[in-house]
N, C-alpha and C. Protein backbone atom coordinates (compact mmCIF):
# COMPACT_ATOMS: atom_id res chain seq x y z
N MET A 1 32.60 26.67 146.94
CA MET A 1 31.57 27.10 147.89
C MET A 1 31.93 28.47 148.46
N GLU A 2 30.96 29.37 148.49
CA GLU A 2 31.20 30.70 149.02
C GLU A 2 31.46 30.64 150.52
N GLN A 3 32.54 31.30 150.94
CA GLN A 3 32.90 31.27 152.34
C GLN A 3 31.97 32.16 153.16
N THR A 4 31.60 31.68 154.32
CA THR A 4 30.76 32.46 155.23
C THR A 4 31.61 33.00 156.36
N SER A 5 31.04 33.89 157.13
CA SER A 5 31.71 34.51 158.25
C SER A 5 30.99 34.17 159.54
N ARG A 6 31.73 34.12 160.63
CA ARG A 6 31.11 33.88 161.93
C ARG A 6 30.15 35.00 162.30
N TYR A 7 30.32 36.16 161.68
CA TYR A 7 29.46 37.31 161.99
C TYR A 7 28.19 37.34 161.16
N ASP A 8 28.09 36.50 160.13
CA ASP A 8 26.89 36.50 159.32
C ASP A 8 25.67 36.17 160.17
N GLY A 9 24.62 36.97 160.03
CA GLY A 9 23.42 36.80 160.83
C GLY A 9 23.42 37.58 162.13
N LEU A 10 24.55 38.27 162.43
CA LEU A 10 24.66 39.00 163.70
C LEU A 10 24.75 40.52 163.51
N ALA A 11 24.75 40.99 162.28
CA ALA A 11 25.06 42.40 162.03
C ALA A 11 24.06 43.35 162.67
N ASP A 12 22.78 43.07 162.56
CA ASP A 12 21.79 43.97 163.15
C ASP A 12 21.93 44.01 164.67
N TRP A 13 22.10 42.84 165.27
CA TRP A 13 22.31 42.79 166.72
C TRP A 13 23.59 43.51 167.10
N TYR A 14 24.65 43.32 166.33
CA TYR A 14 25.95 43.92 166.64
C TYR A 14 25.85 45.45 166.65
N ASP A 15 25.22 46.00 165.63
CA ASP A 15 25.10 47.46 165.57
C ASP A 15 24.28 48.02 166.73
N SER A 16 23.19 47.35 167.07
CA SER A 16 22.35 47.85 168.15
C SER A 16 23.02 47.67 169.52
N GLU A 17 23.85 46.62 169.65
CA GLU A 17 24.50 46.33 170.92
C GLU A 17 25.73 47.21 171.16
N PHE A 18 26.53 47.43 170.11
CA PHE A 18 27.83 48.09 170.28
C PHE A 18 27.90 49.48 169.67
N ASN A 19 27.00 49.83 168.77
CA ASN A 19 27.07 51.13 168.12
C ASN A 19 25.72 51.86 168.16
N PRO A 20 25.11 51.95 169.35
CA PRO A 20 23.78 52.55 169.39
C PRO A 20 23.78 54.07 169.34
N ARG A 21 24.95 54.67 169.59
CA ARG A 21 25.02 56.14 169.66
C ARG A 21 26.12 56.64 168.74
N SER A 22 26.33 57.94 168.73
CA SER A 22 27.43 58.52 167.98
C SER A 22 28.75 57.97 168.50
N LEU A 23 29.77 58.04 167.68
CA LEU A 23 31.07 57.49 168.04
C LEU A 23 31.61 58.14 169.31
N SER A 24 32.09 57.29 170.19
CA SER A 24 32.69 57.75 171.43
C SER A 24 33.48 56.58 172.00
N GLY A 25 34.12 56.79 173.11
CA GLY A 25 34.82 55.72 173.78
C GLY A 25 36.30 55.68 173.47
N ALA A 26 37.01 54.86 174.27
CA ALA A 26 38.47 54.84 174.22
C ALA A 26 39.00 54.36 172.88
N ALA A 27 38.38 53.34 172.27
CA ALA A 27 38.90 52.81 171.01
C ALA A 27 38.82 53.86 169.91
N TRP A 28 37.69 54.54 169.79
CA TRP A 28 37.56 55.57 168.77
C TRP A 28 38.53 56.72 169.01
N GLU A 29 38.71 57.12 170.25
CA GLU A 29 39.64 58.20 170.56
C GLU A 29 41.07 57.81 170.20
N LEU A 30 41.44 56.55 170.42
CA LEU A 30 42.77 56.10 170.04
C LEU A 30 42.94 56.10 168.52
N VAL A 31 41.96 55.60 167.80
CA VAL A 31 42.05 55.57 166.34
C VAL A 31 42.25 56.98 165.80
N THR A 32 41.44 57.92 166.22
CA THR A 32 41.51 59.26 165.64
C THR A 32 42.76 60.02 166.09
N SER A 33 43.18 59.84 167.34
CA SER A 33 44.36 60.57 167.80
C SER A 33 45.64 60.02 167.17
N PHE A 34 45.70 58.71 166.95
CA PHE A 34 46.89 58.12 166.33
C PHE A 34 46.91 58.34 164.82
N LEU A 35 45.75 58.38 164.18
CA LEU A 35 45.69 58.50 162.73
C LEU A 35 45.74 59.94 162.25
N GLY A 36 44.98 60.82 162.91
CA GLY A 36 44.87 62.19 162.44
C GLY A 36 43.81 62.31 161.34
N ARG A 37 43.68 63.50 160.80
CA ARG A 37 42.67 63.78 159.78
C ARG A 37 43.23 63.52 158.38
N GLY A 38 42.28 63.36 157.43
CA GLY A 38 42.66 63.22 156.04
C GLY A 38 43.14 64.55 155.48
N PRO A 39 43.31 64.64 154.12
CA PRO A 39 42.80 63.67 153.14
C PRO A 39 43.77 62.53 152.90
N GLY A 40 43.31 61.59 152.08
CA GLY A 40 44.12 60.47 151.68
C GLY A 40 43.27 59.23 151.49
N ARG A 41 43.85 58.24 150.84
CA ARG A 41 43.17 56.96 150.62
C ARG A 41 43.40 56.09 151.84
N LEU A 42 42.32 55.73 152.52
CA LEU A 42 42.41 55.00 153.78
C LEU A 42 41.75 53.63 153.66
N LEU A 43 42.47 52.60 154.07
CA LEU A 43 41.94 51.25 154.16
C LEU A 43 41.47 50.98 155.58
N ASP A 44 40.22 50.53 155.72
CA ASP A 44 39.70 50.08 157.01
C ASP A 44 39.60 48.56 156.93
N LEU A 45 40.53 47.88 157.57
CA LEU A 45 40.64 46.42 157.50
C LEU A 45 39.74 45.79 158.56
N GLY A 46 38.78 44.97 158.11
CA GLY A 46 37.81 44.41 159.04
C GLY A 46 36.83 45.47 159.49
N CYS A 47 36.24 46.16 158.53
CA CYS A 47 35.43 47.35 158.83
C CYS A 47 34.12 47.01 159.51
N GLY A 48 33.68 45.75 159.46
CA GLY A 48 32.43 45.38 160.11
C GLY A 48 31.25 46.15 159.56
N THR A 49 30.45 46.71 160.45
CA THR A 49 29.25 47.43 160.03
C THR A 49 29.52 48.86 159.60
N GLY A 50 30.79 49.26 159.57
CA GLY A 50 31.16 50.54 158.98
C GLY A 50 31.05 51.75 159.87
N THR A 51 30.87 51.56 161.15
CA THR A 51 30.71 52.72 162.04
C THR A 51 31.97 53.57 162.08
N TYR A 52 33.12 52.94 162.28
CA TYR A 52 34.37 53.70 162.30
C TYR A 52 34.67 54.26 160.92
N ALA A 53 34.43 53.49 159.86
CA ALA A 53 34.69 53.97 158.51
C ALA A 53 33.90 55.23 158.21
N ALA A 54 32.64 55.26 158.61
CA ALA A 54 31.81 56.44 158.39
C ALA A 54 32.35 57.63 159.17
N GLY A 55 32.79 57.41 160.39
CA GLY A 55 33.37 58.50 161.17
C GLY A 55 34.67 59.01 160.57
N LEU A 56 35.49 58.10 160.04
CA LEU A 56 36.75 58.51 159.45
C LEU A 56 36.53 59.25 158.13
N ALA A 57 35.48 58.89 157.41
CA ALA A 57 35.13 59.65 156.20
C ALA A 57 34.79 61.10 156.57
N GLU A 58 34.13 61.29 157.69
CA GLU A 58 33.81 62.64 158.15
C GLU A 58 35.06 63.40 158.58
N CYS A 59 36.13 62.65 158.86
CA CYS A 59 37.41 63.28 159.21
C CYS A 59 38.26 63.59 157.97
N GLY A 60 37.68 63.43 156.78
CA GLY A 60 38.36 63.83 155.57
C GLY A 60 39.03 62.72 154.78
N TRP A 61 38.90 61.47 155.25
CA TRP A 61 39.54 60.36 154.56
C TRP A 61 38.64 59.79 153.46
N ASN A 62 39.26 59.30 152.41
CA ASN A 62 38.59 58.57 151.34
C ASN A 62 38.68 57.09 151.69
N VAL A 63 37.65 56.56 152.32
CA VAL A 63 37.71 55.26 153.00
C VAL A 63 37.23 54.13 152.10
N THR A 64 38.00 53.05 152.10
CA THR A 64 37.56 51.78 151.54
C THR A 64 37.56 50.76 152.66
N GLY A 65 36.41 50.16 152.92
CA GLY A 65 36.30 49.16 153.98
C GLY A 65 36.30 47.76 153.40
N VAL A 66 36.97 46.84 154.08
CA VAL A 66 36.97 45.44 153.67
C VAL A 66 36.56 44.57 154.85
N ASP A 67 35.84 43.52 154.55
CA ASP A 67 35.40 42.57 155.57
C ASP A 67 34.98 41.30 154.86
N ILE A 68 35.01 40.17 155.56
CA ILE A 68 34.59 38.89 154.98
C ILE A 68 33.10 38.65 155.15
N SER A 69 32.45 39.38 156.06
CA SER A 69 31.04 39.14 156.34
C SER A 69 30.14 40.00 155.46
N GLU A 70 29.40 39.39 154.58
CA GLU A 70 28.46 40.11 153.74
C GLU A 70 27.37 40.75 154.58
N ASP A 71 26.99 40.11 155.68
CA ASP A 71 25.96 40.67 156.55
C ASP A 71 26.43 41.97 157.19
N MET A 72 27.68 41.99 157.66
CA MET A 72 28.22 43.22 158.24
C MET A 72 28.38 44.31 157.18
N LEU A 73 28.80 43.92 155.98
CA LEU A 73 28.96 44.90 154.90
C LEU A 73 27.64 45.49 154.46
N ARG A 74 26.56 44.73 154.60
CA ARG A 74 25.24 45.27 154.31
C ARG A 74 24.98 46.51 155.16
N ARG A 75 25.32 46.45 156.42
CA ARG A 75 25.13 47.60 157.31
C ARG A 75 26.09 48.74 156.95
N ALA A 76 27.31 48.39 156.54
CA ALA A 76 28.28 49.41 156.17
C ALA A 76 27.83 50.16 154.92
N ARG A 77 27.31 49.44 153.94
CA ARG A 77 26.83 50.10 152.72
C ARG A 77 25.70 51.07 153.04
N ALA A 78 24.84 50.70 153.99
CA ALA A 78 23.74 51.58 154.38
C ALA A 78 24.23 52.88 155.00
N LYS A 79 25.48 52.87 155.49
CA LYS A 79 26.09 54.09 156.04
C LYS A 79 26.84 54.87 154.99
N GLY A 80 26.77 54.42 153.74
CA GLY A 80 27.42 55.14 152.65
C GLY A 80 28.87 54.80 152.45
N ILE A 81 29.34 53.68 152.98
CA ILE A 81 30.74 53.31 152.89
C ILE A 81 31.00 52.47 151.64
N ARG A 82 32.10 52.78 150.94
CA ARG A 82 32.54 51.93 149.84
C ARG A 82 33.23 50.70 150.44
N VAL A 83 32.74 49.51 150.11
CA VAL A 83 33.23 48.30 150.75
C VAL A 83 33.50 47.22 149.71
N ILE A 84 34.38 46.30 150.09
CA ILE A 84 34.71 45.13 149.28
C ILE A 84 34.73 43.92 150.21
N ARG A 85 34.06 42.87 149.79
CA ARG A 85 34.07 41.63 150.55
C ARG A 85 35.30 40.82 150.17
N THR A 86 36.16 40.55 151.13
CA THR A 86 37.40 39.83 150.85
C THR A 86 38.00 39.27 152.13
N GLU A 87 38.84 38.28 151.98
CA GLU A 87 39.66 37.80 153.08
C GLU A 87 40.73 38.85 153.39
N ALA A 88 41.01 39.06 154.67
CA ALA A 88 42.01 40.06 155.05
C ALA A 88 43.41 39.68 154.59
N ALA A 89 43.69 38.39 154.47
CA ALA A 89 45.03 37.93 154.12
C ALA A 89 45.27 37.86 152.62
N THR A 90 44.25 38.19 151.81
CA THR A 90 44.40 38.19 150.35
C THR A 90 43.66 39.40 149.79
N LEU A 91 44.16 40.58 150.05
CA LEU A 91 43.47 41.81 149.65
C LEU A 91 43.56 42.01 148.13
N PRO A 92 42.47 42.41 147.49
CA PRO A 92 42.44 42.55 146.03
C PRO A 92 42.88 43.93 145.56
N PHE A 93 44.00 44.40 146.07
CA PHE A 93 44.52 45.72 145.72
C PHE A 93 45.96 45.60 145.25
N GLU A 94 46.36 46.53 144.39
CA GLU A 94 47.74 46.57 143.96
C GLU A 94 48.63 47.10 145.07
N ASP A 95 49.92 46.87 144.94
CA ASP A 95 50.88 47.40 145.89
C ASP A 95 50.74 48.92 145.98
N ALA A 96 50.96 49.45 147.17
CA ALA A 96 50.98 50.91 147.40
C ALA A 96 49.69 51.59 146.95
N SER A 97 48.55 50.99 147.27
CA SER A 97 47.26 51.54 146.86
C SER A 97 46.69 52.54 147.86
N PHE A 98 47.23 52.59 149.08
CA PHE A 98 46.63 53.41 150.14
C PHE A 98 47.67 54.28 150.82
N ASP A 99 47.18 55.43 151.31
CA ASP A 99 48.04 56.38 152.03
C ASP A 99 48.07 56.11 153.53
N ALA A 100 47.12 55.34 154.03
CA ALA A 100 47.06 55.00 155.45
C ALA A 100 46.10 53.82 155.62
N ALA A 101 46.19 53.19 156.78
CA ALA A 101 45.30 52.06 157.07
C ALA A 101 44.98 52.06 158.55
N VAL A 102 43.78 51.58 158.87
CA VAL A 102 43.37 51.37 160.25
C VAL A 102 42.74 49.99 160.36
N SER A 103 42.80 49.45 161.55
CA SER A 103 42.06 48.23 161.86
C SER A 103 41.76 48.26 163.35
N ALA A 104 40.51 48.03 163.69
CA ALA A 104 40.09 48.15 165.08
C ALA A 104 39.41 46.88 165.55
N LEU A 105 39.94 46.31 166.62
CA LEU A 105 39.30 45.20 167.32
C LEU A 105 39.13 43.98 166.41
N THR A 106 40.19 43.65 165.67
CA THR A 106 40.09 42.58 164.69
C THR A 106 40.99 41.38 164.96
N HIS A 107 42.08 41.53 165.70
CA HIS A 107 43.02 40.41 165.81
C HIS A 107 42.40 39.22 166.55
N THR A 108 41.37 39.46 167.31
CA THR A 108 40.67 38.36 167.99
C THR A 108 39.70 37.64 167.07
N ASP A 109 39.54 38.12 165.84
CA ASP A 109 38.63 37.50 164.87
C ASP A 109 39.36 36.84 163.70
N PHE A 110 40.51 37.38 163.30
CA PHE A 110 41.18 36.86 162.12
C PHE A 110 41.82 35.50 162.40
N ASP A 111 41.63 34.57 161.49
CA ASP A 111 42.30 33.28 161.60
C ASP A 111 43.77 33.40 161.23
N ASP A 112 44.10 34.34 160.32
CA ASP A 112 45.48 34.54 159.88
C ASP A 112 45.83 36.01 160.06
N PHE A 113 46.03 36.41 161.30
CA PHE A 113 46.33 37.81 161.59
C PHE A 113 47.66 38.22 160.97
N ALA A 114 48.66 37.35 161.03
CA ALA A 114 49.95 37.67 160.45
C ALA A 114 49.83 37.92 158.95
N GLY A 115 49.04 37.10 158.27
CA GLY A 115 48.84 37.30 156.84
C GLY A 115 48.14 38.60 156.54
N ALA A 116 47.18 38.97 157.38
CA ALA A 116 46.47 40.24 157.20
C ALA A 116 47.41 41.42 157.37
N VAL A 117 48.27 41.38 158.37
CA VAL A 117 49.21 42.48 158.60
C VAL A 117 50.21 42.58 157.46
N ARG A 118 50.67 41.46 156.93
CA ARG A 118 51.57 41.50 155.78
C ARG A 118 50.89 42.14 154.58
N GLU A 119 49.61 41.84 154.38
CA GLU A 119 48.88 42.44 153.27
C GLU A 119 48.71 43.94 153.45
N VAL A 120 48.49 44.40 154.66
CA VAL A 120 48.42 45.84 154.91
C VAL A 120 49.75 46.49 154.52
N ALA A 121 50.86 45.88 154.93
CA ALA A 121 52.17 46.43 154.57
C ALA A 121 52.34 46.51 153.05
N ARG A 122 51.84 45.53 152.34
CA ARG A 122 51.99 45.50 150.88
C ARG A 122 51.19 46.60 150.20
N VAL A 123 49.96 46.84 150.65
CA VAL A 123 49.08 47.78 149.94
C VAL A 123 49.27 49.22 150.37
N LEU A 124 50.13 49.47 151.36
CA LEU A 124 50.39 50.84 151.79
C LEU A 124 51.53 51.47 151.01
N GLU A 125 51.41 52.78 150.79
CA GLU A 125 52.53 53.55 150.29
C GLU A 125 53.70 53.48 151.27
N ARG A 126 54.88 53.73 150.78
CA ARG A 126 56.07 53.71 151.63
C ARG A 126 55.94 54.74 152.75
N ALA A 127 56.29 54.34 153.96
CA ALA A 127 56.26 55.20 155.15
C ALA A 127 54.86 55.66 155.53
N ALA A 128 53.83 54.94 155.07
CA ALA A 128 52.46 55.28 155.41
C ALA A 128 52.11 54.81 156.82
N ARG A 129 51.12 55.44 157.41
CA ARG A 129 50.68 55.09 158.76
C ARG A 129 49.74 53.89 158.75
N PHE A 130 49.92 53.03 159.72
CA PHE A 130 48.98 51.96 160.01
C PHE A 130 48.65 52.04 161.50
N VAL A 131 47.40 52.28 161.80
CA VAL A 131 46.95 52.38 163.19
C VAL A 131 46.15 51.14 163.52
N TYR A 132 46.58 50.45 164.56
CA TYR A 132 45.84 49.27 165.02
C TYR A 132 45.43 49.48 166.47
N VAL A 133 44.15 49.22 166.75
CA VAL A 133 43.62 49.26 168.11
C VAL A 133 42.91 47.93 168.36
N GLY A 134 43.28 47.27 169.45
CA GLY A 134 42.66 45.99 169.77
C GLY A 134 42.59 45.76 171.26
N VAL A 135 41.96 44.66 171.64
CA VAL A 135 41.88 44.35 173.07
C VAL A 135 43.26 43.98 173.59
N HIS A 136 43.49 44.25 174.84
CA HIS A 136 44.79 44.04 175.48
C HIS A 136 45.02 42.55 175.69
N PRO A 137 46.04 41.96 175.05
CA PRO A 137 46.24 40.52 175.19
C PRO A 137 46.53 40.05 176.61
N CYS A 138 47.04 40.93 177.45
CA CYS A 138 47.36 40.51 178.83
C CYS A 138 46.12 40.37 179.70
N PHE A 139 45.08 41.16 179.40
CA PHE A 139 43.93 41.23 180.29
C PHE A 139 42.62 40.81 179.64
N VAL A 140 42.64 40.57 178.33
CA VAL A 140 41.45 40.10 177.62
C VAL A 140 41.84 38.88 176.81
N GLY A 141 41.21 37.77 177.09
CA GLY A 141 41.54 36.54 176.38
C GLY A 141 41.01 35.33 177.10
N PRO A 142 41.43 34.15 176.67
CA PRO A 142 40.89 32.92 177.27
C PRO A 142 41.24 32.77 178.73
N HIS A 143 42.30 33.44 179.18
CA HIS A 143 42.83 33.30 180.53
C HIS A 143 42.22 34.25 181.53
N SER A 144 41.45 35.25 181.07
CA SER A 144 41.10 36.38 181.92
C SER A 144 39.59 36.62 181.98
N GLU A 145 39.04 36.59 183.18
CA GLU A 145 37.67 37.05 183.40
C GLU A 145 37.73 38.54 183.71
N PHE A 146 37.19 39.34 182.80
CA PHE A 146 37.32 40.79 182.89
C PHE A 146 36.06 41.43 182.32
N ALA A 147 34.93 41.11 182.89
CA ALA A 147 33.62 41.53 182.37
C ALA A 147 33.51 43.05 182.36
N PHE A 148 33.16 43.58 181.20
CA PHE A 148 32.95 45.01 181.01
C PHE A 148 34.19 45.84 181.34
N ALA A 149 35.37 45.19 181.39
CA ALA A 149 36.65 45.86 181.65
C ALA A 149 36.64 46.65 182.96
N ARG A 150 35.93 46.13 183.94
CA ARG A 150 35.85 46.80 185.24
C ARG A 150 36.44 45.93 186.33
N GLY A 151 36.98 46.60 187.35
CA GLY A 151 37.54 45.86 188.47
C GLY A 151 38.89 45.27 188.13
N THR A 152 39.25 44.21 188.83
CA THR A 152 40.53 43.55 188.65
C THR A 152 40.33 42.26 187.87
N PRO A 153 41.07 42.05 186.78
CA PRO A 153 40.91 40.80 186.02
C PRO A 153 41.24 39.59 186.88
N THR A 154 40.48 38.53 186.71
CA THR A 154 40.78 37.25 187.35
C THR A 154 41.49 36.38 186.32
N LEU A 155 42.77 36.06 186.57
CA LEU A 155 43.58 35.34 185.61
C LEU A 155 43.64 33.86 185.97
N HIS A 156 43.59 33.01 184.95
CA HIS A 156 43.57 31.56 185.13
C HIS A 156 44.83 30.94 184.54
N ASP A 157 45.45 30.04 185.31
CA ASP A 157 46.65 29.36 184.86
C ASP A 157 46.38 28.51 183.62
N GLY A 158 47.41 28.36 182.79
CA GLY A 158 47.36 27.40 181.71
C GLY A 158 46.75 27.87 180.42
N TRP A 159 46.36 29.15 180.35
CA TRP A 159 45.66 29.63 179.17
C TRP A 159 46.39 30.74 178.41
N TYR A 160 47.15 31.58 179.11
CA TYR A 160 47.65 32.80 178.49
C TYR A 160 48.53 32.53 177.27
N ARG A 161 49.39 31.54 177.33
CA ARG A 161 50.35 31.31 176.24
C ARG A 161 49.80 30.39 175.15
N ARG A 162 48.53 30.06 175.23
CA ARG A 162 47.91 29.27 174.17
C ARG A 162 47.46 30.20 173.04
N SER A 163 48.12 30.11 171.90
CA SER A 163 47.72 30.90 170.74
C SER A 163 46.65 30.16 169.96
N GLY A 164 45.81 30.91 169.25
CA GLY A 164 44.85 30.32 168.34
C GLY A 164 43.41 30.50 168.79
N ARG A 165 42.52 29.80 168.09
CA ARG A 165 41.09 29.92 168.32
C ARG A 165 40.68 29.24 169.63
N TYR A 166 39.68 29.82 170.28
CA TYR A 166 39.07 29.17 171.44
C TYR A 166 37.60 29.56 171.48
N GLU A 167 36.79 28.64 171.93
CA GLU A 167 35.35 28.88 172.06
C GLU A 167 34.83 28.57 173.45
N ASP A 168 35.64 27.90 174.24
CA ASP A 168 35.24 27.54 175.60
C ASP A 168 36.45 27.71 176.50
N ALA A 169 36.46 28.74 177.33
CA ALA A 169 37.59 29.07 178.19
C ALA A 169 37.09 29.95 179.32
N PRO A 170 37.88 30.10 180.39
CA PRO A 170 37.43 30.95 181.50
C PRO A 170 37.12 32.39 181.09
N GLY A 171 37.81 32.89 180.05
CA GLY A 171 37.60 34.27 179.63
C GLY A 171 36.40 34.50 178.75
N ILE A 172 35.64 33.45 178.44
CA ILE A 172 34.43 33.61 177.63
C ILE A 172 33.27 33.93 178.56
N SER A 173 32.77 35.16 178.46
CA SER A 173 31.60 35.55 179.24
C SER A 173 30.35 34.93 178.60
N PRO A 174 29.35 34.59 179.40
CA PRO A 174 28.12 34.06 178.81
C PRO A 174 27.34 35.10 178.03
N HIS A 175 27.76 36.37 178.13
CA HIS A 175 27.07 37.45 177.43
C HIS A 175 28.02 38.06 176.41
N GLY A 176 27.49 38.62 175.35
CA GLY A 176 28.31 39.33 174.41
C GLY A 176 28.72 38.51 173.21
N ILE A 177 29.59 39.10 172.40
CA ILE A 177 29.92 38.54 171.10
C ILE A 177 30.72 37.25 171.20
N ARG A 178 31.63 37.14 172.17
CA ARG A 178 32.52 35.97 172.22
C ARG A 178 31.77 34.69 172.56
N ALA A 179 30.70 34.81 173.30
CA ALA A 179 29.88 33.64 173.58
C ALA A 179 29.21 33.12 172.32
N LYS A 180 29.07 34.00 171.32
CA LYS A 180 28.41 33.61 170.08
C LYS A 180 29.38 33.06 169.04
N ILE A 181 30.60 33.62 168.98
CA ILE A 181 31.50 33.26 167.88
C ILE A 181 32.88 32.81 168.31
N GLY A 182 33.20 32.84 169.61
CA GLY A 182 34.55 32.51 170.03
C GLY A 182 35.52 33.63 169.72
N ALA A 183 36.82 33.32 169.80
CA ALA A 183 37.85 34.35 169.59
C ALA A 183 39.17 33.68 169.26
N THR A 184 40.12 34.52 168.85
CA THR A 184 41.51 34.10 168.64
C THR A 184 42.38 34.87 169.62
N HIS A 185 43.36 34.18 170.19
CA HIS A 185 44.24 34.81 171.18
C HIS A 185 45.69 34.77 170.72
N LEU A 186 46.40 35.89 170.93
CA LEU A 186 47.84 35.98 170.76
C LEU A 186 48.43 36.60 172.03
N PRO A 187 49.37 35.95 172.68
CA PRO A 187 50.06 36.61 173.80
C PRO A 187 50.70 37.91 173.34
N LEU A 188 50.95 38.82 174.25
CA LEU A 188 51.40 40.17 173.90
C LEU A 188 52.66 40.15 173.05
N GLY A 189 53.65 39.34 173.42
CA GLY A 189 54.89 39.31 172.65
C GLY A 189 54.67 38.88 171.21
N ASP A 190 53.88 37.83 171.00
CA ASP A 190 53.58 37.37 169.65
C ASP A 190 52.77 38.40 168.88
N PHE A 191 51.87 39.06 169.56
CA PHE A 191 51.03 40.09 168.95
C PHE A 191 51.89 41.22 168.39
N VAL A 192 52.78 41.77 169.20
CA VAL A 192 53.64 42.87 168.75
C VAL A 192 54.60 42.39 167.66
N GLN A 193 55.15 41.19 167.82
CA GLN A 193 56.10 40.67 166.85
C GLN A 193 55.47 40.50 165.46
N THR A 194 54.18 40.26 165.43
CA THR A 194 53.48 40.12 164.14
C THR A 194 53.66 41.35 163.27
N PHE A 195 53.59 42.53 163.85
CA PHE A 195 53.76 43.77 163.10
C PHE A 195 55.21 43.96 162.67
N LEU A 196 56.14 43.63 163.57
CA LEU A 196 57.56 43.79 163.24
C LEU A 196 57.98 42.83 162.14
N ASP A 197 57.48 41.60 162.18
CA ASP A 197 57.82 40.62 161.16
C ASP A 197 57.32 41.03 159.78
N ALA A 198 56.24 41.82 159.74
CA ALA A 198 55.70 42.30 158.46
C ALA A 198 56.46 43.51 157.93
N GLY A 199 57.45 43.99 158.68
CA GLY A 199 58.27 45.10 158.23
C GLY A 199 57.88 46.46 158.77
N PHE A 200 56.93 46.50 159.69
CA PHE A 200 56.52 47.78 160.25
C PHE A 200 57.48 48.23 161.34
N MET A 201 57.61 49.54 161.47
CA MET A 201 58.33 50.17 162.57
C MET A 201 57.30 50.76 163.54
N LEU A 202 57.48 50.51 164.81
CA LEU A 202 56.54 50.98 165.83
C LEU A 202 56.90 52.40 166.24
N GLU A 203 55.94 53.32 166.05
CA GLU A 203 56.13 54.73 166.42
C GLU A 203 55.53 55.07 167.78
N ARG A 204 54.34 54.56 168.02
CA ARG A 204 53.67 54.85 169.29
C ARG A 204 52.96 53.59 169.78
N PHE A 205 52.90 53.46 171.09
CA PHE A 205 52.18 52.35 171.71
C PHE A 205 51.48 52.90 172.94
N ALA A 206 50.23 52.53 173.13
CA ALA A 206 49.48 53.02 174.28
C ALA A 206 48.59 51.93 174.83
N GLU A 207 48.40 51.94 176.13
CA GLU A 207 47.39 51.11 176.81
C GLU A 207 46.27 52.05 177.23
N ALA A 208 45.04 51.58 177.14
CA ALA A 208 43.93 52.48 177.43
C ALA A 208 42.75 51.73 178.02
N GLY A 209 41.90 52.49 178.66
CA GLY A 209 40.69 51.99 179.27
C GLY A 209 40.21 52.99 180.29
N GLU A 210 38.94 52.89 180.60
CA GLU A 210 38.35 53.86 181.50
C GLU A 210 38.66 53.59 182.97
N PHE A 211 39.17 52.38 183.27
CA PHE A 211 39.40 51.99 184.66
C PHE A 211 40.87 51.63 184.87
N GLU A 212 41.21 51.09 186.04
CA GLU A 212 42.62 50.93 186.40
C GLU A 212 43.37 50.00 185.47
N TYR A 213 42.78 48.86 185.14
CA TYR A 213 43.45 47.92 184.26
C TYR A 213 43.03 48.18 182.81
N PRO A 214 43.99 48.35 181.91
CA PRO A 214 43.65 48.67 180.52
C PRO A 214 43.07 47.46 179.79
N HIS A 215 42.07 47.71 178.96
CA HIS A 215 41.52 46.63 178.15
C HIS A 215 41.81 46.81 176.67
N LEU A 216 42.52 47.90 176.33
CA LEU A 216 42.86 48.17 174.94
C LEU A 216 44.34 48.48 174.79
N VAL A 217 44.88 48.13 173.61
CA VAL A 217 46.20 48.59 173.21
C VAL A 217 46.07 49.27 171.86
N ALA A 218 46.94 50.24 171.61
CA ALA A 218 46.94 50.95 170.33
C ALA A 218 48.37 51.08 169.84
N LEU A 219 48.56 50.87 168.54
CA LEU A 219 49.87 50.98 167.92
C LEU A 219 49.76 51.89 166.70
N ARG A 220 50.73 52.79 166.55
CA ARG A 220 50.89 53.50 165.29
C ARG A 220 52.20 53.05 164.68
N LEU A 221 52.11 52.57 163.43
CA LEU A 221 53.26 51.96 162.77
C LEU A 221 53.46 52.61 161.42
N ARG A 222 54.70 52.45 160.89
CA ARG A 222 54.99 52.85 159.51
C ARG A 222 55.76 51.73 158.83
N ASN A 223 55.50 51.56 157.54
CA ASN A 223 56.15 50.48 156.83
C ASN A 223 57.43 50.95 156.13
């Protein structure tokens, strides 16, 4: 049976809700500042509707996007992105196929994030860059009410150290994507250790957000 994605059926809504304008915002700025310009063969892991992939192609990269959701890839193809439908933990590429890799806002969606990171390490050239940008595990997750990343997060006991999928928790807002598909949570220590266990060396780490409490983390790694 062909595997489906939690995002199937949501791609048009997702693009209109989260990508209505030209690229901007803290996540995009982190991706581009940590990665730099091309040329080179770039893997976009969990490319979704291809908004970042299209922007990175304009930065000189030869981008290949991968995602499990055929609905999201439909939107990416319409943006002119070369895409492949695949599980992140079983990439259909030979070793050392790419000069760099990026992944943005994906660890809360992958069921096997550790497997995905190991696969990125495998398909990258030696000493290649891997830039990851995701939500901040300390302030975004099942334990934290942090609507629109504004104000002070309200933290709830008993949730932060629970790893894995969740669909009903204090941190699930009634609005937005998580109310529709749930999320996966990794505490900060486990999150960072996932990259180290895959053999990556951490070069840069940043916390970011437009307000006092950061809602994003960014890592630049080399294998």
